[in-house]
């Protein structure tokens, strides 16, 4: 079979060596980079210190303290914070950090410590995870690999490449299986990293599926729409009257519009137009407080959704899978009797 394909066993061995070498190089590079820059971002350190200083009992906190906490939260830029976590080698803290920010926002909004034990536990987890993240990146793995490679072997038990070559040469099915396993492992790892990153982004940007009635103001004209996805930097809308909406597409593309939700006005410009939905970016990022006020008007209970790399297609393709799932959930009332 291998001869029919025109590929020799030595070619398989070379490919597998290359894959293993590439994986090890990535591991070494990541650990070396983290060892050089692993530390907590200053803004995160200040927020943690402030939260640690809060009372260890449930109950009201001073209004001034709540205002100071709200000011710190408003100063946090999500995109910059994520970049800082990555730069400082502690991007694994993103999910725990999102939980802490959500808890801090509840405290600041209500001026009440509702669950001090949970807050302290989250802060403890953040501290432990940051220590683990930095300890794991201290270069010990890289040094061990370098020492063993210098000795002519890759593994501490003395197995070398010559022995591996002999085994693979005498067992072609094993060579094929090993190659397939290595490729599958690399692809699986990349998929896991991508999924984790998208989930972390959804939590950090507070991107939620919802069902909010709104008016898109285009000068003196008004177009009724429904917001189906809301983040701090933009939203996805579903026109209530598609034919009417299509008549204003030229104006929307040229100058954007203003969303009117209750007494809240948000200027935005269109970033993508599909057959059934359109994506808009806000001219300025809304605060967590404003987003909470908007989500409170949703006719369904808002829930987190991950970023989807597949865009909506004509006729509603796979890219709208999450919006379709949200639509199914929209049939359920927000509050049950």
C-alpha atoms as a PDB file:
ATOM      1  CA  UNK A   1       0.000   0.000   0.000  1.00  0.00           C
ATOM      2  CA  UNK A   2       2.785   2.392   0.928  1.00  0.00           C
ATOM      3  CA  UNK A   3       4.737   1.544  -2.219  1.00  0.00           C
ATOM      4  CA  UNK A   4       1.607   2.125  -4.302  1.00  0.00           C
ATOM      5  CA  UNK A   5       1.380   5.595  -2.847  1.00  0.00           C
ATOM      6  CA  UNK A   6       5.021   6.224  -3.656  1.00  0.00           C
ATOM      7  CA  UNK A   7       5.935   6.983  -0.045  1.00  0.00           C
ATOM      8  CA  UNK A   8       8.708   5.181   1.827  1.00  0.00           C
ATOM      9  CA  UNK A   9       8.678   4.315   5.505  1.00  0.00           C
ATOM     10  CA  UNK A  10      11.575   6.675   6.013  1.00  0.00           C
ATOM     11  CA  UNK A  11       9.325   9.476   4.780  1.00  0.00           C
ATOM     12  CA  UNK A  12       6.803   8.607   7.491  1.00  0.00           C
ATOM     13  CA  UNK A  13       9.541   8.602  10.087  1.00  0.00           C
ATOM     14  CA  UNK A  14      10.740  11.998   8.913  1.00  0.00           C
ATOM     15  CA  UNK A  15       7.206  13.422   8.988  1.00  0.00           C
ATOM     16  CA  UNK A  16       6.640  12.116  12.526  1.00  0.00           C
ATOM     17  CA  UNK A  17       9.957  13.540  13.670  1.00  0.00           C
ATOM     18  CA  UNK A  18       8.979  16.885  12.172  1.00  0.00           C
ATOM     19  CA  UNK A  19       5.590  16.889  13.905  1.00  0.00           C
ATOM     20  CA  UNK A  20       7.096  15.940  17.266  1.00  0.00           C
ATOM     21  CA  UNK A  21       9.813  18.533  16.822  1.00  0.00           C
ATOM     22  CA  UNK A  22       7.271  21.222  15.975  1.00  0.00           C
ATOM     23  CA  UNK A  23       5.141  20.394  19.015  1.00  0.00           C
ATOM     24  CA  UNK A  24       8.180  20.435  21.312  1.00  0.00           C
ATOM     25  CA  UNK A  25       9.334  23.718  19.804  1.00  0.00           C
ATOM     26  CA  UNK A  26       5.955  25.302  20.501  1.00  0.00           C
ATOM     27  CA  UNK A  27       6.005  24.025  24.092  1.00  0.00           C
ATOM     28  CA  UNK A  28       9.537  25.343  24.607  1.00  0.00           C
ATOM     29  CA  UNK A  29       8.699  28.711  23.064  1.00  0.00           C
ATOM     30  CA  UNK A  30       5.522  29.169  25.124  1.00  0.00           C
ATOM     31  CA  UNK A  31       7.246  28.250  28.378  1.00  0.00           C
ATOM     32  CA  UNK A  32      10.247  30.462  27.636  1.00  0.00           C
ATOM     33  CA  UNK A  33       8.039  33.445  26.772  1.00  0.00           C
ATOM     34  CA  UNK A  34       5.954  32.967  29.891  1.00  0.00           C
ATOM     35  CA  UNK A  35       9.027  32.651  32.072  1.00  0.00           C
ATOM     36  CA  UNK A  36      10.195  36.035  30.834  1.00  0.00           C
ATOM     37  CA  UNK A  37       6.909  37.923  31.323  1.00  0.00           C
ATOM     38  CA  UNK A  38       4.684  36.074  33.813  1.00  0.00           C
ATOM     39  CA  UNK A  39       3.202  38.583  36.239  1.00  0.00           C
ATOM     40  CA  UNK A  40      -0.180  40.009  37.192  1.00  0.00           C
ATOM     41  CA  UNK A  41      -1.305  43.106  35.214  1.00  0.00           C
ATOM     42  CA  UNK A  42      -1.264  46.186  37.514  1.00  0.00           C
ATOM     43  CA  UNK A  43      -4.950  47.011  36.992  1.00  0.00           C
ATOM     44  CA  UNK A  44      -5.949  43.484  37.925  1.00  0.00           C
ATOM     45  CA  UNK A  45      -3.734  43.652  41.008  1.00  0.00           C
ATOM     46  CA  UNK A  46      -5.366  46.919  42.098  1.00  0.00           C
ATOM     47  CA  UNK A  47      -8.866  45.501  41.627  1.00  0.00           C
ATOM     48  CA  UNK A  48      -7.966  42.345  43.588  1.00  0.00           C
ATOM     49  CA  UNK A  49      -6.474  44.398  46.425  1.00  0.00           C
ATOM     50  CA  UNK A  50      -9.598  46.565  46.581  1.00  0.00           C
ATOM     51  CA  UNK A  51     -11.918  43.540  46.696  1.00  0.00           C
ATOM     52  CA  UNK A  52      -9.805  41.876  49.393  1.00  0.00           C
ATOM     53  CA  UNK A  53     -10.243  44.988  51.551  1.00  0.00           C
ATOM     54  CA  UNK A  54     -14.048  44.702  51.488  1.00  0.00           C
ATOM     55  CA  UNK A  55     -15.834  43.502  54.666  1.00  0.00           C
ATOM     56  CA  UNK A  56     -15.906  39.776  55.389  1.00  0.00           C
ATOM     57  CA  UNK A  57     -19.601  39.871  56.243  1.00  0.00           C
ATOM     58  CA  UNK A  58     -22.719  40.124  54.107  1.00  0.00           C
ATOM     59  CA  UNK A  59     -24.624  43.378  54.203  1.00  0.00           C
ATOM     60  CA  UNK A  60     -24.555  46.983  52.956  1.00  0.00           C
ATOM     61  CA  UNK A  61     -21.242  48.664  52.185  1.00  0.00           C
ATOM     62  CA  UNK A  62     -20.573  52.427  52.158  1.00  0.00           C
ATOM     63  CA  UNK A  63     -21.876  54.190  49.060  1.00  0.00           C
ATOM     64  CA  UNK A  64     -18.452  55.770  48.567  1.00  0.00           C
ATOM     65  CA  UNK A  65     -16.825  52.333  48.542  1.00  0.00           C
ATOM     66  CA  UNK A  66     -19.362  51.095  45.987  1.00  0.00           C
ATOM     67  CA  UNK A  67     -18.699  54.174  43.828  1.00  0.00           C
ATOM     68  CA  UNK A  68     -14.938  53.601  43.945  1.00  0.00           C
ATOM     69  CA  UNK A  69     -15.449  49.969  42.938  1.00  0.00           C
ATOM     70  CA  UNK A  70     -17.744  51.001  40.073  1.00  0.00           C
ATOM     71  CA  UNK A  71     -15.129  53.518  38.897  1.00  0.00           C
ATOM     72  CA  UNK A  72     -12.468  50.803  38.794  1.00  0.00           C
ATOM     73  CA  UNK A  73     -14.770  48.507  36.810  1.00  0.00           C
ATOM     74  CA  UNK A  74     -15.620  51.269  34.313  1.00  0.00           C
ATOM     75  CA  UNK A  75     -11.898  51.864  33.727  1.00  0.00           C
ATOM     76  CA  UNK A  76     -11.366  48.241  32.739  1.00  0.00           C
ATOM     77  CA  UNK A  77     -11.212  47.854  28.970  1.00  0.00           C
ATOM     78  CA  UNK A  78     -11.991  44.222  28.128  1.00  0.00           C
ATOM     79  CA  UNK A  79      -9.914  43.995  24.972  1.00  0.00           C
ATOM     80  CA  UNK A  80      -6.895  45.637  26.573  1.00  0.00           C
ATOM     81  CA  UNK A  81      -7.236  43.427  29.631  1.00  0.00           C
ATOM     82  CA  UNK A  82      -7.250  40.264  27.532  1.00  0.00           C
ATOM     83  CA  UNK A  83      -4.168  41.484  25.677  1.00  0.00           C
ATOM     84  CA  UNK A  84      -2.468  42.203  29.006  1.00  0.00           C
ATOM     85  CA  UNK A  85      -3.265  38.714  30.305  1.00  0.00           C
ATOM     86  CA  UNK A  86      -1.738  37.221  27.177  1.00  0.00           C
ATOM     87  CA  UNK A  87       1.274  39.552  27.321  1.00  0.00           C
ATOM     88  CA  UNK A  88       1.932  38.732  30.965  1.00  0.00           C
ATOM     89  CA  UNK A  89       1.595  34.996  30.397  1.00  0.00           C
ATOM     90  CA  UNK A  90      -1.519  34.493  32.543  1.00  0.00           C
ATOM     91  CA  UNK A  91      -4.265  34.190  29.898  1.00  0.00           C
ATOM     92  CA  UNK A  92      -5.499  31.048  31.676  1.00  0.00           C
ATOM     93  CA  UNK A  93      -6.981  33.360  34.331  1.00  0.00           C
ATOM     94  CA  UNK A  94      -9.564  34.854  31.941  1.00  0.00           C
ATOM     95  CA  UNK A  95     -12.571  32.783  33.069  1.00  0.00           C
ATOM     96  CA  UNK A  96     -11.903  33.221  36.797  1.00  0.00           C
ATOM     97  CA  UNK A  97     -11.346  36.932  36.203  1.00  0.00           C
ATOM     98  CA  UNK A  98     -14.678  37.187  34.375  1.00  0.00           C
ATOM     99  CA  UNK A  99     -16.430  35.646  37.399  1.00  0.00           C
ATOM    100  CA  UNK A 100     -14.702  38.114  39.734  1.00  0.00           C
ATOM    101  CA  UNK A 101     -15.674  41.103  37.574  1.00  0.00           C
ATOM    102  CA  UNK A 102     -19.294  39.903  37.442  1.00  0.00           C
ATOM    103  CA  UNK A 103     -19.376  39.517  41.244  1.00  0.00           C
ATOM    104  CA  UNK A 104     -17.747  42.932  41.720  1.00  0.00           C
ATOM    105  CA  UNK A 105     -20.286  44.508  39.377  1.00  0.00           C
ATOM    106  CA  UNK A 106     -23.152  43.106  41.459  1.00  0.00           C
ATOM    107  CA  UNK A 107     -21.601  44.519  44.621  1.00  0.00           C
ATOM    108  CA  UNK A 108     -21.016  47.944  43.052  1.00  0.00           C
ATOM    109  CA  UNK A 109     -24.529  48.123  41.581  1.00  0.00           C
ATOM    110  CA  UNK A 110     -26.314  47.183  44.820  1.00  0.00           C
ATOM    111  CA  UNK A 111     -23.821  48.628  47.356  1.00  0.00           C
ATOM    112  CA  UNK A 112     -24.291  45.348  49.193  1.00  0.00           C
ATOM    113  CA  UNK A 113     -22.007  42.419  49.943  1.00  0.00           C
ATOM    114  CA  UNK A 114     -24.321  39.520  49.093  1.00  0.00           C
ATOM    115  CA  UNK A 115     -21.935  36.554  49.293  1.00  0.00           C
ATOM    116  CA  UNK A 116     -18.567  37.416  50.817  1.00  0.00           C
ATOM    117  CA  UNK A 117     -17.522  33.749  50.958  1.00  0.00           C
ATOM    118  CA  UNK A 118     -17.888  33.331  47.203  1.00  0.00           C
ATOM    119  CA  UNK A 119     -15.925  36.520  46.550  1.00  0.00           C
ATOM    120  CA  UNK A 120     -13.083  35.436  48.835  1.00  0.00           C
ATOM    121  CA  UNK A 121     -13.063  32.000  47.224  1.00  0.00           C
ATOM    122  CA  UNK A 122     -12.820  33.524  43.744  1.00  0.00           C
ATOM    123  CA  UNK A 123      -9.963  35.781  44.850  1.00  0.00           C
ATOM    124  CA  UNK A 124      -8.202  32.803  46.429  1.00  0.00           C
ATOM    125  CA  UNK A 125      -8.655  30.784  43.221  1.00  0.00           C
ATOM    126  CA  UNK A 126      -7.275  33.697  41.197  1.00  0.00           C
ATOM    127  CA  UNK A 127      -4.206  33.892  43.417  1.00  0.00           C
ATOM    128  CA  UNK A 128      -3.598  30.128  43.270  1.00  0.00           C
ATOM    129  CA  UNK A 129      -4.111  29.947  39.516  1.00  0.00           C
ATOM    130  CA  UNK A 130      -1.751  32.862  38.914  1.00  0.00           C
ATOM    131  CA  UNK A 131       0.933  31.142  40.993  1.00  0.00           C
ATOM    132  CA  UNK A 132       0.446  27.884  39.092  1.00  0.00           C
ATOM    133  CA  UNK A 133       0.509  29.674  35.726  1.00  0.00           C
ATOM    134  CA  UNK A 134       3.786  31.387  36.570  1.00  0.00           C
ATOM    135  CA  UNK A 135       5.391  28.308  38.142  1.00  0.00           C
ATOM    136  CA  UNK A 136       4.529  26.221  35.094  1.00  0.00           C
ATOM    137  CA  UNK A 137       6.318  28.746  32.891  1.00  0.00           C
ATOM    138  CA  UNK A 138       9.630  28.850  34.766  1.00  0.00           C
ATOM    139  CA  UNK A 139      11.523  27.037  32.018  1.00  0.00           C
ATOM    140  CA  UNK A 140      11.993  23.686  33.785  1.00  0.00           C
ATOM    141  CA  UNK A 141      10.295  21.771  30.973  1.00  0.00           C
ATOM    142  CA  UNK A 142      12.454  23.468  28.371  1.00  0.00           C
ATOM    143  CA  UNK A 143      15.621  22.781  30.369  1.00  0.00           C
ATOM    144  CA  UNK A 144      14.736  19.109  30.816  1.00  0.00           C
ATOM    145  CA  UNK A 145      14.113  18.656  27.093  1.00  0.00           C
ATOM    146  CA  UNK A 146      17.370  20.395  26.229  1.00  0.00           C
ATOM    147  CA  UNK A 147      19.375  18.259  28.691  1.00  0.00           C
ATOM    148  CA  UNK A 148      17.917  15.010  27.388  1.00  0.00           C
ATOM    149  CA  UNK A 149      18.407  16.009  23.757  1.00  0.00           C
ATOM    150  CA  UNK A 150      22.020  16.908  24.528  1.00  0.00           C
ATOM    151  CA  UNK A 151      22.475  13.357  25.828  1.00  0.00           C
ATOM    152  CA  UNK A 152      21.261  11.863  22.565  1.00  0.00           C
ATOM    153  CA  UNK A 153      17.818  10.788  23.794  1.00  0.00           C
ATOM    154  CA  UNK A 154      14.441  12.391  24.028  1.00  0.00           C
ATOM    155  CA  UNK A 155      13.074  10.442  26.967  1.00  0.00           C
ATOM    156  CA  UNK A 156      14.614   9.722  30.355  1.00  0.00           C
ATOM    157  CA  UNK A 157      14.170   5.954  29.914  1.00  0.00           C
ATOM    158  CA  UNK A 158      16.789   5.923  27.153  1.00  0.00           C
ATOM    159  CA  UNK A 159      14.538   5.302  24.128  1.00  0.00           C
ATOM    160  CA  UNK A 160      16.188   6.863  21.067  1.00  0.00           C
ATOM    161  CA  UNK A 161      15.197   7.646  17.520  1.00  0.00           C
ATOM    162  CA  UNK A 162      17.101   4.702  16.061  1.00  0.00           C
ATOM    163  CA  UNK A 163      15.005   2.265  18.071  1.00  0.00           C
ATOM    164  CA  UNK A 164      11.821   4.062  17.039  1.00  0.00           C
ATOM    165  CA  UNK A 165      12.899   3.909  13.384  1.00  0.00           C
ATOM    166  CA  UNK A 166      13.452   0.150  13.648  1.00  0.00           C
ATOM    167  CA  UNK A 167      10.049  -0.455  15.221  1.00  0.00           C
ATOM    168  CA  UNK A 168       8.259   1.615  12.593  1.00  0.00           C
ATOM    169  CA  UNK A 169      10.186   0.019   9.732  1.00  0.00           C
ATOM    170  CA  UNK A 170       9.127  -3.460  10.883  1.00  0.00           C
ATOM    171  CA  UNK A 171       5.506  -2.489  11.484  1.00  0.00           C
ATOM    172  CA  UNK A 172       4.007  -0.320   8.691  1.00  0.00           C
ATOM    173  CA  UNK A 173       0.459  -0.307  10.197  1.00  0.00           C
ATOM    174  CA  UNK A 174       1.899   1.088  13.421  1.00  0.00           C
ATOM    175  CA  UNK A 175       3.647   3.825  11.458  1.00  0.00           C
ATOM    176  CA  UNK A 176       0.372   4.828   9.812  1.00  0.00           C
ATOM    177  CA  UNK A 177      -1.521   4.666  13.115  1.00  0.00           C
ATOM    178  CA  UNK A 178       1.103   6.765  14.889  1.00  0.00           C
ATOM    179  CA  UNK A 179       1.073   9.371  12.144  1.00  0.00           C
ATOM    180  CA  UNK A 180      -2.725   9.573  12.238  1.00  0.00           C
ATOM    181  CA  UNK A 181      -2.672   9.815  16.046  1.00  0.00           C
ATOM    182  CA  UNK A 182      -0.129  12.623  16.031  1.00  0.00           C
ATOM    183  CA  UNK A 183      -2.048  14.609  13.431  1.00  0.00           C
ATOM    184  CA  UNK A 184      -5.295  14.031  15.330  1.00  0.00           C
ATOM    185  CA  UNK A 185      -3.690  15.133  18.585  1.00  0.00           C
ATOM    186  CA  UNK A 186      -2.369  18.352  17.034  1.00  0.00           C
ATOM    187  CA  UNK A 187      -5.724  19.147  15.392  1.00  0.00           C
ATOM    188  CA  UNK A 188      -7.576  18.367  18.628  1.00  0.00           C
ATOM    189  CA  UNK A 189      -5.242  20.603  20.611  1.00  0.00           C
ATOM    190  CA  UNK A 190      -5.754  23.484  18.190  1.00  0.00           C
ATOM    191  CA  UNK A 191      -9.535  23.015  18.347  1.00  0.00           C
ATOM    192  CA  UNK A 192      -9.459  22.973  22.157  1.00  0.00           C
ATOM    193  CA  UNK A 193      -7.397  26.165  22.251  1.00  0.00           C
ATOM    194  CA  UNK A 194      -9.764  27.873  19.796  1.00  0.00           C
ATOM    195  CA  UNK A 195     -12.894  26.801  21.720  1.00  0.00           C
ATOM    196  CA  UNK A 196     -11.418  27.884  25.055  1.00  0.00           C
ATOM    197  CA  UNK A 197     -10.421  31.247  23.612  1.00  0.00           C
ATOM    198  CA  UNK A 198     -13.902  31.867  22.181  1.00  0.00           C
ATOM    199  CA  UNK A 199     -15.546  30.932  25.476  1.00  0.00           C
ATOM    200  CA  UNK A 200     -13.189  33.236  27.376  1.00  0.00           C
ATOM    201  CA  UNK A 201     -13.946  36.070  24.957  1.00  0.00           C
ATOM    202  CA  UNK A 202     -17.683  35.535  25.404  1.00  0.00           C
ATOM    203  CA  UNK A 203     -17.292  35.788  29.166  1.00  0.00           C
ATOM    204  CA  UNK A 204     -14.935  38.760  29.037  1.00  0.00           C
ATOM    205  CA  UNK A 205     -17.051  40.742  26.573  1.00  0.00           C
ATOM    206  CA  UNK A 206     -20.307  39.732  28.293  1.00  0.00           C
ATOM    207  CA  UNK A 207     -21.788  38.810  24.904  1.00  0.00           C
ATOM    208  CA  UNK A 208     -25.302  37.466  25.487  1.00  0.00           C
ATOM    209  CA  UNK A 209     -28.239  36.236  23.463  1.00  0.00           C
ATOM    210  CA  UNK A 210     -31.402  38.190  24.231  1.00  0.00           C
ATOM    211  CA  UNK A 211     -34.662  39.484  22.787  1.00  0.00           C
ATOM    212  CA  UNK A 212     -34.886  43.272  23.142  1.00  0.00           C
ATOM    213  CA  UNK A 213     -37.290  45.488  21.203  1.00  0.00           C
ATOM    214  CA  UNK A 214     -35.601  48.610  19.816  1.00  0.00           C
ATOM    215  CA  UNK A 215     -36.013  51.408  17.295  1.00  0.00           C
ATOM    216  CA  UNK A 216     -33.261  52.110  14.749  1.00  0.00           C
ATOM    217  CA  UNK A 217     -33.331  55.866  14.120  1.00  0.00           C
ATOM    218  CA  UNK A 218     -32.156  56.941  10.665  1.00  0.00           C
ATOM    219  CA  UNK A 219     -32.476  60.693  10.806  1.00  0.00           C
ATOM    220  CA  UNK A 220     -36.233  61.337  10.886  1.00  0.00           C
ATOM    221  CA  UNK A 221     -37.056  57.748   9.938  1.00  0.00           C
ATOM    222  CA  UNK A 222     -37.617  54.941  12.436  1.00  0.00           C
ATOM    223  CA  UNK A 223     -37.219  51.210  11.795  1.00  0.00           C
ATOM    224  CA  UNK A 224     -38.457  48.690  14.402  1.00  0.00           C
ATOM    225  CA  UNK A 225     -35.941  45.914  15.121  1.00  0.00           C
ATOM    226  CA  UNK A 226     -35.223  43.234  17.691  1.00  0.00           C
ATOM    227  CA  UNK A 227     -31.769  42.876  19.256  1.00  0.00           C
ATOM    228  CA  UNK A 228     -30.917  39.148  19.395  1.00  0.00           C
ATOM    229  CA  UNK A 229     -27.317  39.426  20.599  1.00  0.00           C
ATOM    230  CA  UNK A 230     -25.890  42.200  22.782  1.00  0.00           C
ATOM    231  CA  UNK A 231     -22.294  42.883  23.771  1.00  0.00           C
ATOM    232  CA  UNK A 232     -20.571  45.947  25.158  1.00  0.00           C
ATOM    233  CA  UNK A 233     -19.157  46.800  21.734  1.00  0.00           C
ATOM    234  CA  UNK A 234     -22.018  45.951  19.414  1.00  0.00           C
ATOM    235  CA  UNK A 235     -25.127  43.914  18.689  1.00  0.00           C
ATOM    236  CA  UNK A 236     -26.927  41.741  16.155  1.00  0.00           C
ATOM    237  CA  UNK A 237     -30.428  42.767  15.108  1.00  0.00           C
ATOM    238  CA  UNK A 238     -33.376  41.101  13.410  1.00  0.00           C
ATOM    239  CA  UNK A 239     -35.629  43.535  11.487  1.00  0.00           C
ATOM    240  CA  UNK A 240     -39.291  43.374  12.509  1.00  0.00           C
ATOM    241  CA  UNK A 241     -40.295  44.426   8.985  1.00  0.00           C
ATOM    242  CA  UNK A 242     -37.661  43.071   6.539  1.00  0.00           C
ATOM    243  CA  UNK A 243     -39.163  44.778   3.472  1.00  0.00           C
ATOM    244  CA  UNK A 244     -39.124  48.169   5.180  1.00  0.00           C
ATOM    245  CA  UNK A 245     -35.598  47.530   6.491  1.00  0.00           C
ATOM    246  CA  UNK A 246     -34.317  46.670   2.999  1.00  0.00           C
ATOM    247  CA  UNK A 247     -35.528  50.044   1.721  1.00  0.00           C
ATOM    248  CA  UNK A 248     -33.144  51.794   4.110  1.00  0.00           C
ATOM    249  CA  UNK A 249     -30.058  49.622   3.458  1.00  0.00           C
ATOM    250  CA  UNK A 250     -28.308  52.319   1.447  1.00  0.00           C
ATOM    251  CA  UNK A 251     -28.808  54.883   4.189  1.00  0.00           C
ATOM    252  CA  UNK A 252     -27.735  52.384   6.849  1.00  0.00           C
ATOM    253  CA  UNK A 253     -24.515  51.556   4.999  1.00  0.00           C
ATOM    254  CA  UNK A 254     -23.700  55.219   4.435  1.00  0.00           C
ATOM    255  CA  UNK A 255     -24.291  56.804   7.829  1.00  0.00           C
ATOM    256  CA  UNK A 256     -25.381  54.145  10.314  1.00  0.00           C
ATOM    257  CA  UNK A 257     -28.005  55.092  12.864  1.00  0.00           C
ATOM    258  CA  UNK A 258     -28.994  55.431  16.500  1.00  0.00           C
ATOM    259  CA  UNK A 259     -30.570  52.639  18.531  1.00  0.00           C
ATOM    260  CA  UNK A 260     -33.340  53.770  20.840  1.00  0.00           C
ATOM    261  CA  UNK A 261     -34.082  51.302  23.639  1.00  0.00           C
ATOM    262  CA  UNK A 262     -36.385  52.907  26.166  1.00  0.00           C
ATOM    263  CA  UNK A 263     -34.663  56.136  27.196  1.00  0.00           C
ATOM    264  CA  UNK A 264     -31.204  54.890  26.143  1.00  0.00           C
ATOM    265  CA  UNK A 265     -29.688  56.068  22.844  1.00  0.00           C
ATOM    266  CA  UNK A 266     -26.658  54.345  21.293  1.00  0.00           C
ATOM    267  CA  UNK A 267     -25.015  55.516  18.078  1.00  0.00           C
ATOM    268  CA  UNK A 268     -23.810  52.667  15.864  1.00  0.00           C
ATOM    269  CA  UNK A 269     -22.665  51.798  12.364  1.00  0.00           C
ATOM    270  CA  UNK A 270     -23.313  48.609  10.443  1.00  0.00           C
ATOM    271  CA  UNK A 271     -20.438  46.123  10.206  1.00  0.00           C
ATOM    272  CA  UNK A 272     -22.148  43.305   8.277  1.00  0.00           C
ATOM    273  CA  UNK A 273     -25.487  42.788   6.537  1.00  0.00           C
ATOM    274  CA  UNK A 274     -26.873  39.312   5.881  1.00  0.00           C
ATOM    275  CA  UNK A 275     -30.189  38.109   4.516  1.00  0.00           C
ATOM    276  CA  UNK A 276     -32.014  37.869   7.831  1.00  0.00           C
ATOM    277  CA  UNK A 277     -29.826  39.705  10.349  1.00  0.00           C
ATOM    278  CA  UNK A 278     -27.352  42.589  10.543  1.00  0.00           C
ATOM    279  CA  UNK A 279     -24.394  43.260  12.826  1.00  0.00           C
ATOM    280  CA  UNK A 280     -23.715  46.721  14.258  1.00  0.00           C
ATOM    281  CA  UNK A 281     -20.738  48.148  16.140  1.00  0.00           C
ATOM    282  CA  UNK A 282     -21.356  50.843  18.724  1.00  0.00           C
ATOM    283  CA  UNK A 283     -19.486  54.124  18.304  1.00  0.00           C
ATOM    284  CA  UNK A 284     -18.380  53.766  21.926  1.00  0.00           C
ATOM    285  CA  UNK A 285     -18.351  50.794  24.269  1.00  0.00           C
ATOM    286  CA  UNK A 286     -21.281  50.788  26.674  1.00  0.00           C
ATOM    287  CA  UNK A 287     -20.663  50.244  30.382  1.00  0.00           C
ATOM    288  CA  UNK A 288     -21.588  47.073  32.238  1.00  0.00           C
ATOM    289  CA  UNK A 289     -24.296  49.047  34.027  1.00  0.00           C
ATOM    290  CA  UNK A 290     -25.871  50.167  30.752  1.00  0.00           C
ATOM    291  CA  UNK A 291     -25.699  46.655  29.348  1.00  0.00           C
ATOM    292  CA  UNK A 292     -27.439  45.290  32.446  1.00  0.00           C
ATOM    293  CA  UNK A 293     -30.198  47.880  32.067  1.00  0.00           C
ATOM    294  CA  UNK A 294     -30.701  46.873  28.435  1.00  0.00           C
ATOM    295  CA  UNK A 295     -30.667  43.131  29.160  1.00  0.00           C
ATOM    296  CA  UNK A 296     -33.284  43.704  31.861  1.00  0.00           C
ATOM    297  CA  UNK A 297     -35.681  44.586  29.012  1.00  0.00           C
ATOM    298  CA  UNK A 298     -35.138  41.231  27.280  1.00  0.00           C
ATOM    299  CA  UNK A 299     -38.221  39.045  26.939  1.00  0.00           C
ATOM    300  CA  UNK A 300     -36.069  35.959  27.540  1.00  0.00           C
ATOM    301  CA  UNK A 301     -33.429  35.256  30.144  1.00  0.00           C
ATOM    302  CA  UNK A 302     -30.117  36.369  28.560  1.00  0.00           C
ATOM    303  CA  UNK A 303     -27.388  33.741  28.289  1.00  0.00           C
ATOM    304  CA  UNK A 304     -23.746  33.710  27.204  1.00  0.00           C
ATOM    305  CA  UNK A 305     -22.894  32.729  23.642  1.00  0.00           C
ATOM    306  CA  UNK A 306     -19.497  32.078  22.123  1.00  0.00           C
ATOM    307  CA  UNK A 307     -18.102  33.923  19.128  1.00  0.00           C
ATOM    308  CA  UNK A 308     -18.771  31.950  15.952  1.00  0.00           C
ATOM    309  CA  UNK A 309     -16.250  32.063  13.120  1.00  0.00           C
ATOM    310  CA  UNK A 310     -18.974  30.953  10.653  1.00  0.00           C
ATOM    311  CA  UNK A 311     -20.899  33.944   9.370  1.00  0.00           C
ATOM    312  CA  UNK A 312     -24.612  33.860   8.479  1.00  0.00           C
ATOM    313  CA  UNK A 313     -25.174  32.838   4.877  1.00  0.00           C
ATOM    314  CA  UNK A 314     -27.911  33.702   2.409  1.00  0.00           C
ATOM    315  CA  UNK A 315     -31.046  32.035   3.586  1.00  0.00           C
ATOM    316  CA  UNK A 316     -29.699  31.595   7.113  1.00  0.00           C
ATOM    317  CA  UNK A 317     -26.724  29.234   7.036  1.00  0.00           C
ATOM    318  CA  UNK A 318     -24.762  27.455   9.720  1.00  0.00           C
ATOM    319  CA  UNK A 319     -23.390  30.729  11.043  1.00  0.00           C
ATOM    320  CA  UNK A 320     -26.800  31.464  12.563  1.00  0.00           C
ATOM    321  CA  UNK A 321     -26.856  28.225  14.553  1.00  0.00           C
ATOM    322  CA  UNK A 322     -26.511  30.025  17.839  1.00  0.00           C
ATOM    323  CA  UNK A 323     -29.202  32.564  16.922  1.00  0.00           C
ATOM    324  CA  UNK A 324     -31.448  29.668  15.917  1.00  0.00           C
ATOM    325  CA  UNK A 325     -30.839  28.013  19.264  1.00  0.00           C
ATOM    326  CA  UNK A 326     -31.578  31.309  20.947  1.00  0.00           C
ATOM    327  CA  UNK A 327     -34.819  31.612  18.994  1.00  0.00           C
ATOM    328  CA  UNK A 328     -35.944  28.224  20.289  1.00  0.00           C
ATOM    329  CA  UNK A 329     -35.266  29.378  23.821  1.00  0.00           C
ATOM    330  CA  UNK A 330     -37.116  32.630  23.156  1.00  0.00           C
ATOM    331  CA  UNK A 331     -40.403  30.746  23.276  1.00  0.00           C
ATOM    332  CA  UNK A 332     -39.845  30.320  27.020  1.00  0.00           C
ATOM    333  CA  UNK A 333     -40.969  33.234  29.233  1.00  0.00           C
ATOM    334  CA  UNK A 334     -38.313  35.172  31.117  1.00  0.00           C
ATOM    335  CA  UNK A 335     -40.137  34.744  34.391  1.00  0.00           C
ATOM    336  CA  UNK A 336     -42.253  31.750  35.259  1.00  0.00           C
ATOM    337  CA  UNK A 337     -45.181  31.997  37.612  1.00  0.00           C
END
